[in-house]
PDB file of all heavy atoms in Angstrom:
ATOM      1  N   ALA A   1      57.916 -69.059 -44.535  1.00  0.00           N
ATOM      2  CA  ALA A   1      57.955 -68.833 -43.096  1.00  0.00           C
ATOM      3  C   ALA A   1      57.257 -69.932 -42.328  1.00  0.00           C
ATOM      4  O   ALA A   1      56.375 -70.553 -42.953  1.00  0.00           O
ATOM      5  CB  ALA A   1      57.499 -67.492 -42.724  1.00  0.00           C
ATOM      6  N   VAL A   2      57.629 -70.139 -41.089  1.00  0.00           N
ATOM      7  CA  VAL A   2      56.753 -70.867 -40.220  1.00  0.00           C
ATOM      8  C   VAL A   2      55.924 -69.905 -39.431  1.00  0.00           C
ATOM      9  O   VAL A   2      56.357 -68.881 -38.853  1.00  0.00           O
ATOM     10  CB  VAL A   2      57.712 -71.673 -39.196  1.00  0.00           C
ATOM     11  CG1 VAL A   2      56.812 -72.384 -38.063  1.00  0.00           C
ATOM     12  CG2 VAL A   2      58.597 -72.622 -39.875  1.00  0.00           C
ATOM     13  N   SER A   3      54.619 -70.133 -39.445  1.00  0.00           N
ATOM     14  CA  SER A   3      53.646 -69.167 -38.863  1.00  0.00           C
ATOM     15  C   SER A   3      52.612 -69.862 -38.096  1.00  0.00           C
ATOM     16  O   SER A   3      52.092 -70.896 -38.385  1.00  0.00           O
ATOM     17  CB  SER A   3      53.058 -68.300 -39.919  1.00  0.00           C
ATOM     18  OG  SER A   3      52.112 -67.355 -39.479  1.00  0.00           O
ATOM     19  N   MET A   4      52.349 -69.317 -36.968  1.00  0.00           N
ATOM     20  CA  MET A   4      51.054 -69.676 -36.267  1.00  0.00           C
ATOM     21  C   MET A   4      49.871 -69.563 -37.265  1.00  0.00           C
ATOM     22  O   MET A   4      49.821 -68.589 -38.049  1.00  0.00           O
ATOM     23  CB  MET A   4      50.680 -68.720 -35.187  1.00  0.00           C
ATOM     24  CG  MET A   4      51.485 -68.921 -33.878  1.00  0.00           C
ATOM     25  SD  MET A   4      50.765 -67.822 -32.568  1.00  0.00           S
ATOM     26  CE  MET A   4      52.079 -67.792 -31.370  1.00  0.00           C
ATOM     27  N   GLY A   5      48.891 -70.345 -37.231  1.00  0.00           N
ATOM     28  CA  GLY A   5      47.772 -70.293 -38.069  1.00  0.00           C
ATOM     29  C   GLY A   5      46.681 -69.381 -37.408  1.00  0.00           C
ATOM     30  O   GLY A   5      46.727 -69.054 -36.320  1.00  0.00           O
ATOM     31  N   ILE A   6      45.618 -69.220 -38.227  1.00  0.00           N
ATOM     32  CA  ILE A   6      44.496 -68.470 -37.822  1.00  0.00           C
ATOM     33  C   ILE A   6      43.759 -69.018 -36.563  1.00  0.00           C
ATOM     34  O   ILE A   6      43.453 -68.374 -35.658  1.00  0.00           O
ATOM     35  CB  ILE A   6      43.359 -68.264 -38.929  1.00  0.00           C
ATOM     36  CG1 ILE A   6      44.091 -67.586 -40.111  1.00  0.00           C
ATOM     37  CG2 ILE A   6      42.153 -67.476 -38.461  1.00  0.00           C
ATOM     38  CD1 ILE A   6      44.317 -66.205 -40.069  1.00  0.00           C
ATOM     39  N   GLN A   7      43.618 -70.384 -36.569  1.00  0.00           N
ATOM     40  CA  GLN A   7      43.112 -71.045 -35.415  1.00  0.00           C
ATOM     41  C   GLN A   7      43.854 -70.881 -34.174  1.00  0.00           C
ATOM     42  O   GLN A   7      43.256 -70.664 -33.045  1.00  0.00           O
ATOM     43  CB  GLN A   7      42.908 -72.533 -35.775  1.00  0.00           C
ATOM     44  CG  GLN A   7      42.341 -73.425 -34.559  1.00  0.00           C
ATOM     45  CD  GLN A   7      42.121 -74.840 -34.940  1.00  0.00           C
ATOM     46  OE1 GLN A   7      41.479 -75.222 -35.917  1.00  0.00           O
ATOM     47  NE2 GLN A   7      42.763 -75.713 -34.214  1.00  0.00           N
ATOM     48  N   THR A   8      45.219 -70.936 -34.364  1.00  0.00           N
ATOM     49  CA  THR A   8      46.132 -70.725 -33.195  1.00  0.00           C
ATOM     50  C   THR A   8      45.921 -69.301 -32.781  1.00  0.00           C
ATOM     51  O   THR A   8      45.856 -69.092 -31.408  1.00  0.00           O
ATOM     52  CB  THR A   8      47.598 -70.880 -33.612  1.00  0.00           C
ATOM     53  OG1 THR A   8      47.723 -72.057 -34.531  1.00  0.00           O
ATOM     54  CG2 THR A   8      48.422 -70.992 -32.442  1.00  0.00           C
ATOM     55  N   ILE A   9      45.838 -68.301 -33.534  1.00  0.00           N
ATOM     56  CA  ILE A   9      45.738 -66.900 -33.122  1.00  0.00           C
ATOM     57  C   ILE A   9      44.341 -66.766 -32.440  1.00  0.00           C
ATOM     58  O   ILE A   9      44.244 -66.086 -31.408  1.00  0.00           O
ATOM     59  CB  ILE A   9      45.965 -65.990 -34.315  1.00  0.00           C
ATOM     60  CG1 ILE A   9      47.293 -66.024 -34.759  1.00  0.00           C
ATOM     61  CG2 ILE A   9      45.344 -64.612 -33.959  1.00  0.00           C
ATOM     62  CD1 ILE A   9      47.579 -65.375 -36.206  1.00  0.00           C
ATOM     63  N   LEU A  10      43.338 -67.308 -33.108  1.00  0.00           N
ATOM     64  CA  LEU A  10      41.953 -67.072 -32.509  1.00  0.00           C
ATOM     65  C   LEU A  10      41.839 -67.791 -31.129  1.00  0.00           C
ATOM     66  O   LEU A  10      40.978 -67.451 -30.391  1.00  0.00           O
ATOM     67  CB  LEU A  10      40.928 -67.641 -33.442  1.00  0.00           C
ATOM     68  CG  LEU A  10      40.688 -66.850 -34.656  1.00  0.00           C
ATOM     69  CD1 LEU A  10      39.755 -67.598 -35.614  1.00  0.00           C
ATOM     70  CD2 LEU A  10      40.188 -65.399 -34.418  1.00  0.00           C
ATOM     71  N   GLY A  11      42.752 -68.723 -30.780  1.00  0.00           N
ATOM     72  CA  GLY A  11      42.812 -69.362 -29.481  1.00  0.00           C
ATOM     73  C   GLY A  11      43.256 -68.512 -28.396  1.00  0.00           C
ATOM     74  O   GLY A  11      43.068 -68.801 -27.250  1.00  0.00           O
ATOM     75  N   ALA A  12      43.893 -67.406 -28.747  1.00  0.00           N
ATOM     76  CA  ALA A  12      44.337 -66.379 -27.712  1.00  0.00           C
ATOM     77  C   ALA A  12      43.092 -65.812 -26.910  1.00  0.00           C
ATOM     78  O   ALA A  12      42.032 -65.523 -27.450  1.00  0.00           O
ATOM     79  CB  ALA A  12      45.131 -65.314 -28.139  1.00  0.00           C
ATOM     80  N   LYS A  13      43.203 -65.544 -25.567  1.00  0.00           N
ATOM     81  CA  LYS A  13      42.113 -65.140 -24.802  1.00  0.00           C
ATOM     82  C   LYS A  13      41.832 -63.659 -25.176  1.00  0.00           C
ATOM     83  O   LYS A  13      40.724 -63.164 -25.175  1.00  0.00           O
ATOM     84  CB  LYS A  13      42.393 -65.209 -23.323  1.00  0.00           C
ATOM     85  CG  LYS A  13      42.611 -66.627 -22.844  1.00  0.00           C
ATOM     86  CD  LYS A  13      43.010 -66.701 -21.403  1.00  0.00           C
ATOM     87  CE  LYS A  13      43.238 -68.250 -21.000  1.00  0.00           C
ATOM     88  NZ  LYS A  13      44.429 -68.850 -21.664  1.00  0.00           N
ATOM     89  N   LYS A  14      42.893 -62.863 -25.462  1.00  0.00           N
ATOM     90  CA  LYS A  14      42.681 -61.439 -25.853  1.00  0.00           C
ATOM     91  C   LYS A  14      43.695 -61.232 -26.944  1.00  0.00           C
ATOM     92  O   LYS A  14      44.743 -61.928 -27.153  1.00  0.00           O
ATOM     93  CB  LYS A  14      43.156 -60.505 -24.676  1.00  0.00           C
ATOM     94  CG  LYS A  14      42.284 -60.569 -23.491  1.00  0.00           C
ATOM     95  CD  LYS A  14      42.788 -59.580 -22.360  1.00  0.00           C
ATOM     96  CE  LYS A  14      42.013 -59.659 -21.078  1.00  0.00           C
ATOM     97  NZ  LYS A  14      42.565 -58.791 -20.073  1.00  0.00           N
ATOM     98  N   ILE A  15      43.346 -60.194 -27.882  1.00  0.00           N
ATOM     99  CA  ILE A  15      44.062 -59.895 -29.020  1.00  0.00           C
ATOM    100  C   ILE A  15      44.212 -58.435 -29.166  1.00  0.00           C
ATOM    101  O   ILE A  15      43.169 -57.696 -28.935  1.00  0.00           O
ATOM    102  CB  ILE A  15      43.555 -60.496 -30.256  1.00  0.00           C
ATOM    103  CG1 ILE A  15      43.533 -61.975 -30.317  1.00  0.00           C
ATOM    104  CG2 ILE A  15      44.291 -59.931 -31.581  1.00  0.00           C
ATOM    105  CD1 ILE A  15      42.801 -62.658 -31.458  1.00  0.00           C
ATOM    106  N   ILE A  16      45.444 -57.867 -29.342  1.00  0.00           N
ATOM    107  CA  ILE A  16      45.591 -56.491 -29.705  1.00  0.00           C
ATOM    108  C   ILE A  16      46.184 -56.474 -31.066  1.00  0.00           C
ATOM    109  O   ILE A  16      47.241 -57.025 -31.360  1.00  0.00           O
ATOM    110  CB  ILE A  16      46.624 -55.926 -28.700  1.00  0.00           C
ATOM    111  CG1 ILE A  16      46.084 -55.980 -27.260  1.00  0.00           C
ATOM    112  CG2 ILE A  16      46.851 -54.319 -29.038  1.00  0.00           C
ATOM    113  CD1 ILE A  16      47.124 -55.469 -26.210  1.00  0.00           C
ATOM    114  N   LEU A  17      45.566 -55.732 -31.933  1.00  0.00           N
ATOM    115  CA  LEU A  17      46.104 -55.490 -33.283  1.00  0.00           C
ATOM    116  C   LEU A  17      46.467 -54.105 -33.537  1.00  0.00           C
ATOM    117  O   LEU A  17      45.677 -53.234 -33.192  1.00  0.00           O
ATOM    118  CB  LEU A  17      45.109 -55.961 -34.334  1.00  0.00           C
ATOM    119  CG  LEU A  17      45.575 -55.896 -35.875  1.00  0.00           C
ATOM    120  CD1 LEU A  17      45.072 -57.046 -36.634  1.00  0.00           C
ATOM    121  CD2 LEU A  17      45.270 -54.563 -36.533  1.00  0.00           C
ATOM    122  N   LEU A  18      47.709 -53.868 -34.017  1.00  0.00           N
ATOM    123  CA  LEU A  18      48.267 -52.549 -34.313  1.00  0.00           C
ATOM    124  C   LEU A  18      48.343 -52.246 -35.727  1.00  0.00           C
ATOM    125  O   LEU A  18      48.819 -53.051 -36.417  1.00  0.00           O
ATOM    126  CB  LEU A  18      49.548 -52.345 -33.605  1.00  0.00           C
ATOM    127  CG  LEU A  18      49.785 -52.834 -32.082  1.00  0.00           C
ATOM    128  CD1 LEU A  18      51.157 -52.685 -31.644  1.00  0.00           C
ATOM    129  CD2 LEU A  18      48.759 -52.116 -31.169  1.00  0.00           C
ATOM    130  N   ALA A  19      48.081 -50.978 -36.178  1.00  0.00           N
ATOM    131  CA  ALA A  19      48.269 -50.491 -37.516  1.00  0.00           C
ATOM    132  C   ALA A  19      48.611 -49.145 -37.514  1.00  0.00           C
ATOM    133  O   ALA A  19      47.890 -48.302 -36.851  1.00  0.00           O
ATOM    134  CB  ALA A  19      46.987 -50.800 -38.336  1.00  0.00           C
ATOM    135  N   SER A  20      49.538 -48.755 -38.272  1.00  0.00           N
ATOM    136  CA  SER A  20      50.052 -47.332 -38.408  1.00  0.00           C
ATOM    137  C   SER A  20      50.361 -47.018 -39.782  1.00  0.00           C
ATOM    138  O   SER A  20      50.913 -47.766 -40.620  1.00  0.00           O
ATOM    139  CB  SER A  20      51.399 -47.232 -37.568  1.00  0.00           C
ATOM    140  OG  SER A  20      51.826 -45.944 -37.658  1.00  0.00           O
ATOM    141  N   GLY A  21      49.883 -45.832 -40.242  1.00  0.00           N
ATOM    142  CA  GLY A  21      50.287 -45.284 -41.482  1.00  0.00           C
ATOM    143  C   GLY A  21      49.200 -45.369 -42.573  1.00  0.00           C
ATOM    144  O   GLY A  21      48.424 -46.377 -42.620  1.00  0.00           O
ATOM    145  N   LYS A  22      49.336 -44.623 -43.556  1.00  0.00           N
ATOM    146  CA  LYS A  22      48.338 -44.602 -44.668  1.00  0.00           C
ATOM    147  C   LYS A  22      48.341 -45.931 -45.416  1.00  0.00           C
ATOM    148  O   LYS A  22      47.294 -46.329 -45.940  1.00  0.00           O
ATOM    149  CB  LYS A  22      48.712 -43.431 -45.564  1.00  0.00           C
ATOM    150  CG  LYS A  22      47.659 -43.062 -46.613  1.00  0.00           C
ATOM    151  CD  LYS A  22      46.585 -42.185 -45.926  1.00  0.00           C
ATOM    152  CE  LYS A  22      45.654 -41.608 -46.972  1.00  0.00           C
ATOM    153  NZ  LYS A  22      44.588 -40.651 -46.407  1.00  0.00           N
ATOM    154  N   ALA A  23      49.464 -46.537 -45.472  1.00  0.00           N
ATOM    155  CA  ALA A  23      49.618 -47.677 -46.391  1.00  0.00           C
ATOM    156  C   ALA A  23      48.704 -48.872 -45.816  1.00  0.00           C
ATOM    157  O   ALA A  23      48.313 -49.810 -46.501  1.00  0.00           O
ATOM    158  CB  ALA A  23      51.039 -48.183 -46.438  1.00  0.00           C
ATOM    159  N   LYS A  24      48.331 -48.805 -44.483  1.00  0.00           N
ATOM    160  CA  LYS A  24      47.497 -49.899 -43.861  1.00  0.00           C
ATOM    161  C   LYS A  24      46.080 -49.497 -43.831  1.00  0.00           C
ATOM    162  O   LYS A  24      45.225 -50.221 -43.353  1.00  0.00           O
ATOM    163  CB  LYS A  24      48.054 -50.043 -42.412  1.00  0.00           C
ATOM    164  CG  LYS A  24      49.498 -50.468 -42.270  1.00  0.00           C
ATOM    165  CD  LYS A  24      49.693 -51.823 -42.876  1.00  0.00           C
ATOM    166  CE  LYS A  24      51.265 -52.264 -42.870  1.00  0.00           C
ATOM    167  NZ  LYS A  24      51.649 -52.706 -41.576  1.00  0.00           N
ATOM    168  N   ALA A  25      45.664 -48.350 -44.388  1.00  0.00           N
ATOM    169  CA  ALA A  25      44.282 -47.908 -44.174  1.00  0.00           C
ATOM    170  C   ALA A  25      43.301 -48.801 -44.897  1.00  0.00           C
ATOM    171  O   ALA A  25      42.298 -49.175 -44.313  1.00  0.00           O
ATOM    172  CB  ALA A  25      44.124 -46.421 -44.715  1.00  0.00           C
ATOM    173  N   GLU A  26      43.575 -49.269 -45.946  1.00  0.00           N
ATOM    174  CA  GLU A  26      42.666 -50.096 -46.741  1.00  0.00           C
ATOM    175  C   GLU A  26      42.467 -51.502 -46.109  1.00  0.00           C
ATOM    176  O   GLU A  26      41.459 -52.032 -45.990  1.00  0.00           O
ATOM    177  CB  GLU A  26      43.124 -50.316 -48.252  1.00  0.00           C
ATOM    178  CG  GLU A  26      42.071 -50.974 -49.107  1.00  0.00           C
ATOM    179  CD  GLU A  26      40.708 -50.279 -49.123  1.00  0.00           C
ATOM    180  OE1 GLU A  26      40.573 -49.008 -49.083  1.00  0.00           O
ATOM    181  OE2 GLU A  26      39.651 -50.969 -48.937  1.00  0.00           O
ATOM    182  N   ALA A  27      43.617 -52.021 -45.603  1.00  0.00           N
ATOM    183  CA  ALA A  27      43.616 -53.287 -44.899  1.00  0.00           C
ATOM    184  C   ALA A  27      42.746 -53.195 -43.564  1.00  0.00           C
ATOM    185  O   ALA A  27      41.916 -54.049 -43.343  1.00  0.00           O
ATOM    186  CB  ALA A  27      45.005 -53.736 -44.561  1.00  0.00           C
ATOM    187  N   VAL A  28      42.935 -51.959 -42.900  1.00  0.00           N
ATOM    188  CA  VAL A  28      42.191 -51.791 -41.651  1.00  0.00           C
ATOM    189  C   VAL A  28      40.700 -51.673 -42.031  1.00  0.00           C
ATOM    190  O   VAL A  28      39.754 -52.203 -41.289  1.00  0.00           O
ATOM    191  CB  VAL A  28      42.627 -50.548 -40.967  1.00  0.00           C
ATOM    192  CG1 VAL A  28      41.682 -50.069 -39.812  1.00  0.00           C
ATOM    193  CG2 VAL A  28      44.085 -50.751 -40.358  1.00  0.00           C
ATOM    194  N   HIS A  29      40.386 -50.998 -43.074  1.00  0.00           N
ATOM    195  CA  HIS A  29      38.960 -50.849 -43.511  1.00  0.00           C
ATOM    196  C   HIS A  29      38.406 -52.212 -43.889  1.00  0.00           C
ATOM    197  O   HIS A  29      37.252 -52.508 -43.400  1.00  0.00           O
ATOM    198  CB  HIS A  29      38.835 -49.934 -44.788  1.00  0.00           C
ATOM    199  CG  HIS A  29      37.678 -50.149 -45.578  1.00  0.00           C
ATOM    200  ND1 HIS A  29      36.356 -49.715 -45.058  1.00  0.00           N
ATOM    201  CD2 HIS A  29      37.430 -50.725 -46.710  1.00  0.00           C
ATOM    202  CE1 HIS A  29      35.470 -49.971 -46.078  1.00  0.00           C
ATOM    203  NE2 HIS A  29      36.034 -50.498 -47.004  1.00  0.00           N
ATOM    204  N   SER A  30      39.149 -53.073 -44.594  1.00  0.00           N
ATOM    205  CA  SER A  30      38.598 -54.383 -44.957  1.00  0.00           C
ATOM    206  C   SER A  30      38.431 -55.238 -43.710  1.00  0.00           C
ATOM    207  O   SER A  30      37.453 -56.069 -43.609  1.00  0.00           O
ATOM    208  CB  SER A  30      39.608 -55.053 -45.959  1.00  0.00           C
ATOM    209  OG  SER A  30      39.642 -54.310 -47.123  1.00  0.00           O
ATOM    210  N   MET A  31      39.319 -55.176 -42.750  1.00  0.00           N
ATOM    211  CA  MET A  31      39.226 -55.952 -41.586  1.00  0.00           C
ATOM    212  C   MET A  31      38.013 -55.543 -40.703  1.00  0.00           C
ATOM    213  O   MET A  31      37.329 -56.469 -40.197  1.00  0.00           O
ATOM    214  CB  MET A  31      40.485 -55.715 -40.708  1.00  0.00           C
ATOM    215  CG  MET A  31      40.454 -56.422 -39.338  1.00  0.00           C
ATOM    216  SD  MET A  31      41.876 -56.048 -38.317  1.00  0.00           S
ATOM    217  CE  MET A  31      41.948 -54.157 -38.172  1.00  0.00           C
ATOM    218  N   LEU A  32      37.727 -54.265 -40.575  1.00  0.00           N
ATOM    219  CA  LEU A  32      36.666 -53.888 -39.725  1.00  0.00           C
ATOM    220  C   LEU A  32      35.361 -53.722 -40.341  1.00  0.00           C
ATOM    221  O   LEU A  32      34.343 -53.981 -39.722  1.00  0.00           O
ATOM    222  CB  LEU A  32      37.109 -52.472 -39.102  1.00  0.00           C
ATOM    223  CG  LEU A  32      38.268 -52.514 -38.045  1.00  0.00           C
ATOM    224  CD1 LEU A  32      38.669 -51.100 -37.691  1.00  0.00           C
ATOM    225  CD2 LEU A  32      37.818 -53.319 -36.784  1.00  0.00           C
ATOM    226  N   GLU A  33      35.313 -53.321 -41.696  1.00  0.00           N
ATOM    227  CA  GLU A  33      34.075 -53.061 -42.266  1.00  0.00           C
ATOM    228  C   GLU A  33      33.662 -53.957 -43.426  1.00  0.00           C
ATOM    229  O   GLU A  33      32.672 -53.912 -43.888  1.00  0.00           O
ATOM    230  CB  GLU A  33      34.158 -51.601 -42.855  1.00  0.00           C
ATOM    231  CG  GLU A  33      34.272 -50.524 -41.755  1.00  0.00           C
ATOM    232  CD  GLU A  33      34.264 -49.119 -42.213  1.00  0.00           C
ATOM    233  OE1 GLU A  33      34.524 -48.907 -43.380  1.00  0.00           O
ATOM    234  OE2 GLU A  33      33.894 -48.254 -41.392  1.00  0.00           O
ATOM    235  N   GLY A  34      34.615 -54.832 -43.772  1.00  0.00           N
ATOM    236  CA  GLY A  34      34.334 -55.766 -44.822  1.00  0.00           C
ATOM    237  C   GLY A  34      33.764 -57.065 -44.221  1.00  0.00           C
ATOM    238  O   GLY A  34      33.658 -57.278 -43.046  1.00  0.00           O
ATOM    239  N   LYS A  35      33.391 -57.966 -45.119  1.00  0.00           N
ATOM    240  CA  LYS A  35      32.861 -59.301 -44.722  1.00  0.00           C
ATOM    241  C   LYS A  35      33.993 -60.181 -44.258  1.00  0.00           C
ATOM    242  O   LYS A  35      35.227 -59.977 -44.552  1.00  0.00           O
ATOM    243  CB  LYS A  35      32.121 -59.903 -45.810  1.00  0.00           C
ATOM    244  CG  LYS A  35      33.047 -60.334 -47.000  1.00  0.00           C
ATOM    245  CD  LYS A  35      32.167 -60.999 -48.044  1.00  0.00           C
ATOM    246  CE  LYS A  35      33.107 -61.397 -49.259  1.00  0.00           C
ATOM    247  NZ  LYS A  35      32.283 -62.117 -50.377  1.00  0.00           N
ATOM    248  N   MET A  36      33.700 -61.030 -43.439  1.00  0.00           N
ATOM    249  CA  MET A  36      34.661 -62.144 -42.966  1.00  0.00           C
ATOM    250  C   MET A  36      35.045 -62.946 -44.197  1.00  0.00           C
ATOM    251  O   MET A  36      34.107 -63.735 -44.707  1.00  0.00           O
ATOM    252  CB  MET A  36      34.149 -62.993 -41.742  1.00  0.00           C
ATOM    253  CG  MET A  36      34.324 -62.331 -40.402  1.00  0.00           C
ATOM    254  SD  MET A  36      34.212 -63.504 -39.079  1.00  0.00           S
ATOM    255  CE  MET A  36      32.619 -64.248 -39.440  1.00  0.00           C
ATOM    256  N   THR A  37      36.339 -63.104 -44.570  1.00  0.00           N
ATOM    257  CA  THR A  37      36.723 -63.798 -45.618  1.00  0.00           C
ATOM    258  C   THR A  37      38.157 -64.212 -45.549  1.00  0.00           C
ATOM    259  O   THR A  37      39.007 -63.433 -45.136  1.00  0.00           O
ATOM    260  CB  THR A  37      36.487 -63.108 -47.025  1.00  0.00           C
ATOM    261  OG1 THR A  37      37.093 -63.862 -48.045  1.00  0.00           O
ATOM    262  CG2 THR A  37      37.066 -61.730 -46.961  1.00  0.00           C
ATOM    263  N   PRO A  38      38.556 -65.375 -45.924  1.00  0.00           N
ATOM    264  CA  PRO A  38      39.941 -65.790 -45.931  1.00  0.00           C
ATOM    265  C   PRO A  38      40.830 -64.901 -46.726  1.00  0.00           C
ATOM    266  O   PRO A  38      42.030 -64.939 -46.733  1.00  0.00           O
ATOM    267  CB  PRO A  38      39.969 -67.225 -46.489  1.00  0.00           C
ATOM    268  CG  PRO A  38      38.642 -67.761 -46.019  1.00  0.00           C
ATOM    269  CD  PRO A  38      37.640 -66.547 -46.268  1.00  0.00           C
ATOM    270  N   ASP A  39      40.030 -64.259 -47.741  1.00  0.00           N
ATOM    271  CA  ASP A  39      40.827 -63.323 -48.677  1.00  0.00           C
ATOM    272  C   ASP A  39      41.501 -62.192 -47.898  1.00  0.00           C
ATOM    273  O   ASP A  39      42.453 -61.486 -48.473  1.00  0.00           O
ATOM    274  CB  ASP A  39      39.941 -62.793 -49.843  1.00  0.00           C
ATOM    275  CG  ASP A  39      39.471 -63.998 -50.710  1.00  0.00           C
ATOM    276  OD1 ASP A  39      40.280 -64.966 -50.826  1.00  0.00           O
ATOM    277  OD2 ASP A  39      38.402 -63.847 -51.329  1.00  0.00           O
ATOM    278  N   VAL A  40      40.899 -61.858 -46.822  1.00  0.00           N
ATOM    279  CA  VAL A  40      41.442 -60.843 -45.910  1.00  0.00           C
ATOM    280  C   VAL A  40      41.584 -61.497 -44.485  1.00  0.00           C
ATOM    281  O   VAL A  40      40.680 -61.431 -43.755  1.00  0.00           O
ATOM    282  CB  VAL A  40      40.526 -59.614 -45.735  1.00  0.00           C
ATOM    283  CG1 VAL A  40      41.191 -58.517 -44.764  1.00  0.00           C
ATOM    284  CG2 VAL A  40      40.289 -59.083 -47.190  1.00  0.00           C
ATOM    285  N   PRO A  41      42.649 -62.232 -44.243  1.00  0.00           N
ATOM    286  CA  PRO A  41      42.785 -62.983 -43.027  1.00  0.00           C
ATOM    287  C   PRO A  41      42.420 -62.231 -41.764  1.00  0.00           C
ATOM    288  O   PRO A  41      41.805 -62.841 -40.845  1.00  0.00           O
ATOM    289  CB  PRO A  41      44.241 -63.505 -43.128  1.00  0.00           C
ATOM    290  CG  PRO A  41      44.510 -63.585 -44.457  1.00  0.00           C
ATOM    291  CD  PRO A  41      43.888 -62.388 -45.204  1.00  0.00           C
TER     292      PRO A  41
END
């Protein structure tokens, strides 16, 4: 795919991230409570 990069996304003035469902629970946990790492973009 062609995708905006992390730098491009971080350049936005505001960000809204949406997550729904049990399948996203671990990713949400890692995003909010884990360390900053490229392994979890």
